[in-house]
Amino acid sequence: MNAIPCPAHQVPRQMFGMPEHKVTLIRAQADALLAHASMLESFRRACADTNNSYGEEAWKHLAGQARLQAELLYTRANILESCSK
């Protein structure tokens, strides 16, 4: 019978080596979100230049959400990093 291995039975190196990789991955995701927020902000500016207030409001909201999520990811990465030390 095939059983799912219990995480408690893993080699400790495997269990404690993962946070460094997760921190790097989370920071890369946050960087990508910040780059995306910059692009969304350029769309907002284009709408503002053409007096499209509805579009400007929508892009502003989306850019703000992307920046907020990036900040949350950076915070999570910092917490994981401090816990792994």
C-alpha atoms as a PDB file:
ATOM      1  CA  MET A   1       0.000   0.000   0.000  1.00  0.00           C
ATOM      2  CA  ASN A   2       1.386   3.395  -0.967  1.00  0.00           C
ATOM      3  CA  ALA A   3       1.234   5.909   1.839  1.00  0.00           C
ATOM      4  CA  ILE A   4       1.805   9.623   1.704  1.00  0.00           C
ATOM      5  CA  PRO A   5       5.070  10.370   3.525  1.00  0.00           C
ATOM      6  CA  CYS A   6       4.702  12.333   6.729  1.00  0.00           C
ATOM      7  CA  PRO A   7       6.611  15.661   6.760  1.00  0.00           C
ATOM      8  CA  ALA A   8       7.860  14.827  10.272  1.00  0.00           C
ATOM      9  CA  HIS A   9       9.856  11.920   8.816  1.00  0.00           C
ATOM     10  CA  GLN A  10      11.711  14.026   6.263  1.00  0.00           C
ATOM     11  CA  VAL A  11      15.398  14.671   6.655  1.00  0.00           C
ATOM     12  CA  PRO A  12      15.775  17.874   8.743  1.00  0.00           C
ATOM     13  CA  ARG A  13      17.988  19.428   6.052  1.00  0.00           C
ATOM     14  CA  GLN A  14      15.068  19.149   3.625  1.00  0.00           C
ATOM     15  CA  MET A  15      12.655  20.757   6.061  1.00  0.00           C
ATOM     16  CA  PHE A  16      14.857  23.684   7.066  1.00  0.00           C
ATOM     17  CA  GLY A  17      16.520  24.312   3.708  1.00  0.00           C
ATOM     18  CA  MET A  18      13.284  25.414   2.046  1.00  0.00           C
ATOM     19  CA  PRO A  19      12.723  28.866   3.625  1.00  0.00           C
ATOM     20  CA  GLU A  20      15.742  30.360   1.817  1.00  0.00           C
ATOM     21  CA  HIS A  21      14.293  29.235  -1.499  1.00  0.00           C
ATOM     22  CA  LYS A  22      10.840  30.507  -0.519  1.00  0.00           C
ATOM     23  CA  VAL A  23      12.239  33.891   0.499  1.00  0.00           C
ATOM     24  CA  THR A  24      13.971  34.251  -2.866  1.00  0.00           C
ATOM     25  CA  LEU A  25      10.828  33.207  -4.730  1.00  0.00           C
ATOM     26  CA  ILE A  26       8.568  35.542  -2.767  1.00  0.00           C
ATOM     27  CA  ARG A  27      10.907  38.493  -3.309  1.00  0.00           C
ATOM     28  CA  ALA A  28      11.022  37.741  -7.053  1.00  0.00           C
ATOM     29  CA  GLN A  29       7.212  37.722  -7.127  1.00  0.00           C
ATOM     30  CA  ALA A  30       7.135  41.051  -5.281  1.00  0.00           C
ATOM     31  CA  ASP A  31       9.607  42.540  -7.760  1.00  0.00           C
ATOM     32  CA  ALA A  32       7.425  41.367 -10.639  1.00  0.00           C
ATOM     33  CA  LEU A  33       4.349  42.912  -9.030  1.00  0.00           C
ATOM     34  CA  LEU A  34       6.137  46.244  -8.611  1.00  0.00           C
ATOM     35  CA  ALA A  35       7.125  46.192 -12.275  1.00  0.00           C
ATOM     36  CA  HIS A  36       3.513  45.408 -13.181  1.00  0.00           C
ATOM     37  CA  ALA A  37       2.307  48.278 -10.977  1.00  0.00           C
ATOM     38  CA  SER A  38       4.608  50.608 -12.883  1.00  0.00           C
ATOM     39  CA  MET A  39       3.069  49.483 -16.165  1.00  0.00           C
ATOM     40  CA  LEU A  40      -0.444  49.940 -14.763  1.00  0.00           C
ATOM     41  CA  GLU A  41       0.532  53.426 -13.611  1.00  0.00           C
ATOM     42  CA  SER A  42       1.572  54.277 -17.183  1.00  0.00           C
ATOM     43  CA  PHE A  43      -1.920  53.235 -18.333  1.00  0.00           C
ATOM     44  CA  ARG A  44      -3.397  55.526 -15.665  1.00  0.00           C
ATOM     45  CA  ARG A  45      -1.299  58.435 -16.937  1.00  0.00           C
ATOM     46  CA  ALA A  46      -2.413  57.758 -20.515  1.00  0.00           C
ATOM     47  CA  CYS A  47      -6.041  57.862 -19.420  1.00  0.00           C
ATOM     48  CA  ALA A  48      -5.429  61.074 -17.493  1.00  0.00           C
ATOM     49  CA  ASP A  49      -3.862  62.644 -20.584  1.00  0.00           C
ATOM     50  CA  THR A  50      -6.997  61.848 -22.619  1.00  0.00           C
ATOM     51  CA  ASN A  51      -9.417  62.985 -19.886  1.00  0.00           C
ATOM     52  CA  ASN A  52     -10.704  59.453 -19.395  1.00  0.00           C
ATOM     53  CA  SER A  53     -11.540  59.700 -15.702  1.00  0.00           C
ATOM     54  CA  TYR A  54     -13.154  56.261 -15.468  1.00  0.00           C
ATOM     55  CA  GLY A  55     -10.130  54.550 -16.970  1.00  0.00           C
ATOM     56  CA  GLU A  56      -7.788  56.622 -14.839  1.00  0.00           C
ATOM     57  CA  GLU A  57      -9.626  55.594 -11.676  1.00  0.00           C
ATOM     58  CA  ALA A  58      -9.615  51.913 -12.625  1.00  0.00           C
ATOM     59  CA  TRP A  59      -5.897  51.829 -13.491  1.00  0.00           C
ATOM     60  CA  LYS A  60      -5.045  53.789 -10.349  1.00  0.00           C
ATOM     61  CA  HIS A  61      -6.905  51.240  -8.235  1.00  0.00           C
ATOM     62  CA  LEU A  62      -5.224  48.294  -9.941  1.00  0.00           C
ATOM     63  CA  ALA A  63      -1.752  49.834  -9.615  1.00  0.00           C
ATOM     64  CA  GLY A  64      -2.367  50.497  -5.929  1.00  0.00           C
ATOM     65  CA  GLN A  65      -3.485  46.918  -5.354  1.00  0.00           C
ATOM     66  CA  ALA A  66      -0.398  45.579  -7.125  1.00  0.00           C
ATOM     67  CA  ARG A  67       1.870  47.761  -4.957  1.00  0.00           C
ATOM     68  CA  LEU A  68       0.014  46.707  -1.803  1.00  0.00           C
ATOM     69  CA  GLN A  69       0.387  43.024  -2.639  1.00  0.00           C
ATOM     70  CA  ALA A  70       4.082  43.530  -3.389  1.00  0.00           C
ATOM     71  CA  GLU A  71       4.578  45.173   0.007  1.00  0.00           C
ATOM     72  CA  LEU A  72       2.779  42.272   1.683  1.00  0.00           C
ATOM     73  CA  LEU A  73       5.027  39.803  -0.123  1.00  0.00           C
ATOM     74  CA  TYR A  74       8.150  41.695   0.963  1.00  0.00           C
ATOM     75  CA  THR A  75       6.884  41.630   4.545  1.00  0.00           C
ATOM     76  CA  ARG A  76       6.230  37.892   4.324  1.00  0.00           C
ATOM     77  CA  ALA A  77       9.716  37.299   2.915  1.00  0.00           C
ATOM     78  CA  ASN A  78      11.277  39.330   5.712  1.00  0.00           C
ATOM     79  CA  ILE A  79       9.347  37.361   8.343  1.00  0.00           C
ATOM     80  CA  LEU A  80      10.356  34.027   6.815  1.00  0.00           C
ATOM     81  CA  GLU A  81      13.962  35.169   6.619  1.00  0.00           C
ATOM     82  CA  SER A  82      14.042  36.262  10.252  1.00  0.00           C
ATOM     83  CA  CYS A  83      12.448  32.987  11.394  1.00  0.00           C
ATOM     84  CA  SER A  84      14.986  30.885   9.507  1.00  0.00           C
ATOM     85  CA  LYS A  85      17.992  32.503  11.187  1.00  0.00           C
END
